[in-house]
Protein backbone atom coordinates (compact mmCIF):
# COMPACT_ATOMS: atom_id res chain seq x y z
CA UNK A 1 -19.02 -60.94 -20.29
CA UNK A 2 -15.44 -59.67 -20.23
CA UNK A 3 -12.79 -60.58 -22.77
CA UNK A 4 -10.90 -62.53 -20.14
CA UNK A 5 -13.96 -64.73 -19.58
CA UNK A 6 -14.25 -65.35 -23.31
CA UNK A 7 -10.60 -66.35 -23.48
CA UNK A 8 -11.08 -68.60 -20.47
CA UNK A 9 -13.93 -70.45 -22.18
CA UNK A 10 -11.93 -70.80 -25.41
CA UNK A 11 -8.89 -72.10 -23.50
CA UNK A 12 -11.08 -74.69 -21.77
CA UNK A 13 -12.51 -75.90 -25.10
CA UNK A 14 -9.06 -76.13 -26.70
CA UNK A 15 -7.72 -78.04 -23.68
CA UNK A 16 -10.58 -80.53 -23.91
CA UNK A 17 -9.97 -81.05 -27.65
CA UNK A 18 -6.25 -81.45 -27.03
CA UNK A 19 -6.90 -84.10 -24.40
CA UNK A 20 -9.18 -86.00 -26.78
CA UNK A 21 -6.65 -85.88 -29.63
CA UNK A 22 -3.81 -87.05 -27.39
CA UNK A 23 -5.87 -89.87 -25.88
CA UNK A 24 -6.73 -91.19 -29.36
CA UNK A 25 -3.04 -91.59 -30.21
CA UNK A 26 -1.11 -94.70 -29.26
CA UNK A 27 2.40 -94.01 -27.96
CA UNK A 28 3.82 -97.05 -29.81
CA UNK A 29 2.44 -96.02 -33.18
CA UNK A 30 -0.39 -98.52 -33.33
CA UNK A 31 -3.30 -96.37 -32.10
CA UNK A 32 -6.04 -95.21 -34.38
CA UNK A 33 -3.85 -95.50 -37.45
CA UNK A 34 -3.61 -99.29 -37.13
CA UNK A 35 -7.37 -99.61 -36.77
CA UNK A 36 -8.28 -97.25 -39.60
CA UNK A 37 -5.19 -97.71 -41.73
CA UNK A 38 -6.85 -99.65 -44.51
CA UNK A 39 -7.99 -97.70 -47.54
CA UNK A 40 -11.36 -99.44 -47.55
CA UNK A 41 -12.26 -98.59 -43.96
CA UNK A 42 -13.92 -95.32 -42.86
CA UNK A 43 -13.98 -93.74 -46.29
CA UNK A 44 -10.34 -94.30 -47.14
CA UNK A 45 -8.52 -92.74 -44.20
CA UNK A 46 -4.87 -93.47 -44.93
CA UNK A 47 -2.88 -90.93 -42.97
CA UNK A 48 -4.55 -90.81 -39.60
CA UNK A 49 -1.28 -90.39 -37.71
CA UNK A 50 -0.38 -87.36 -39.83
CA UNK A 51 -3.77 -85.80 -39.11
CA UNK A 52 -3.51 -86.49 -35.38
CA UNK A 53 0.04 -85.18 -35.27
CA UNK A 54 -0.87 -81.97 -37.12
CA UNK A 55 -3.99 -81.45 -35.03
CA UNK A 56 -1.98 -81.89 -31.81
CA UNK A 57 0.55 -79.26 -32.83
CA UNK A 58 -2.16 -76.92 -34.11
CA UNK A 59 -4.19 -77.16 -30.91
CA UNK A 60 -1.04 -76.64 -28.82
CA UNK A 61 -0.16 -73.50 -30.82
CA UNK A 62 -3.72 -72.18 -30.51
CA UNK A 63 -3.61 -72.83 -26.76
CA UNK A 64 -0.38 -70.86 -26.36
CA UNK A 65 -1.74 -67.95 -28.42
CA UNK A 66 -4.96 -67.89 -26.38
CA UNK A 67 -3.02 -67.90 -23.12
CA UNK A 68 -0.84 -64.98 -24.26
CA UNK A 69 -3.87 -63.01 -25.48
CA UNK A 70 -5.76 -63.65 -22.26
CA UNK A 71 -2.84 -62.43 -20.18
CA UNK A 72 -2.67 -59.27 -22.28
CA UNK A 73 -6.39 -58.67 -21.87
CA UNK A 74 -6.23 -59.25 -18.12
CA UNK A 75 -6.26 -55.71 -16.88
CA UNK A 76 -9.12 -56.74 -14.71
CA UNK A 77 -10.42 -56.25 -11.24
CA UNK A 78 -7.44 -57.78 -9.47
CA UNK A 79 -4.92 -55.14 -10.52
CA UNK A 80 -3.43 -52.85 -7.87
CA UNK A 81 -4.56 -49.62 -9.52
CA UNK A 82 -8.16 -49.97 -8.33
CA UNK A 83 -7.48 -51.48 -4.94
CA UNK A 84 -9.72 -50.37 -2.07
CA UNK A 85 -7.03 -51.19 0.48
CA UNK A 86 -4.59 -48.74 -1.08
CA UNK A 87 -7.27 -46.02 -1.14
CA UNK A 88 -8.13 -46.58 2.54
CA UNK A 89 -4.53 -46.43 3.74
CA UNK A 90 -3.87 -43.22 1.83
CA UNK A 91 -6.90 -41.44 3.27
CA UNK A 92 -6.80 -42.78 6.81
CA UNK A 93 -3.13 -42.11 7.50
CA UNK A 94 -2.36 -38.49 6.58
CA UNK A 95 1.17 -37.25 7.04
CA UNK A 96 1.68 -36.04 10.60
CA UNK A 97 4.03 -33.20 11.45
CA UNK A 98 5.97 -33.11 14.67
CA UNK A 99 4.67 -30.52 17.19
CA UNK A 100 6.90 -27.54 17.70
CA UNK A 101 8.29 -27.32 21.23
CA UNK A 102 8.40 -23.82 22.56
CA UNK A 103 11.07 -23.49 25.19
CA UNK A 104 11.67 -20.11 26.69
CA UNK A 105 15.03 -18.66 25.83
CA UNK A 106 17.43 -17.58 28.51
CA UNK A 107 16.38 -20.14 31.11
CA UNK A 108 18.36 -23.21 31.85
CA UNK A 109 16.92 -26.36 33.30
CA UNK A 110 17.59 -27.02 36.96
CA UNK A 111 20.14 -29.62 37.92
C-alpha cells in the first residue's frame, strides 16, 4: 500500500468525522448543548458547544495538513517522468536529415 493510499484513507476518515461533528451542531446555538446543557445530564457535560467548536477546528486543521502531505507524497504513477507515451514518441520518431541533392556542376537546366 503506497503512502498516497494511506493518506487517502485518513482523509476519508477525517471527512466523515467532520461531517458528524458539524451535523451534531445546531446553527442557532440550540443543538446538542441545549439537550445536554444541564450539569446532571450525561455525566455533567457543561460546555458541549466549546467541545464541538474545538473539534470542528481541529478536524479541519488535520484535514488540511493531510491534504498537503498527500500532495507532497504524490510522486506516483501519473507523473510525466514515467510515461509510456513519451517513451514511444521518442523512439519511434528519430530525427530525419534532409537528403543531399547532387546536381552536376557546369550544366544549366533547359528552358
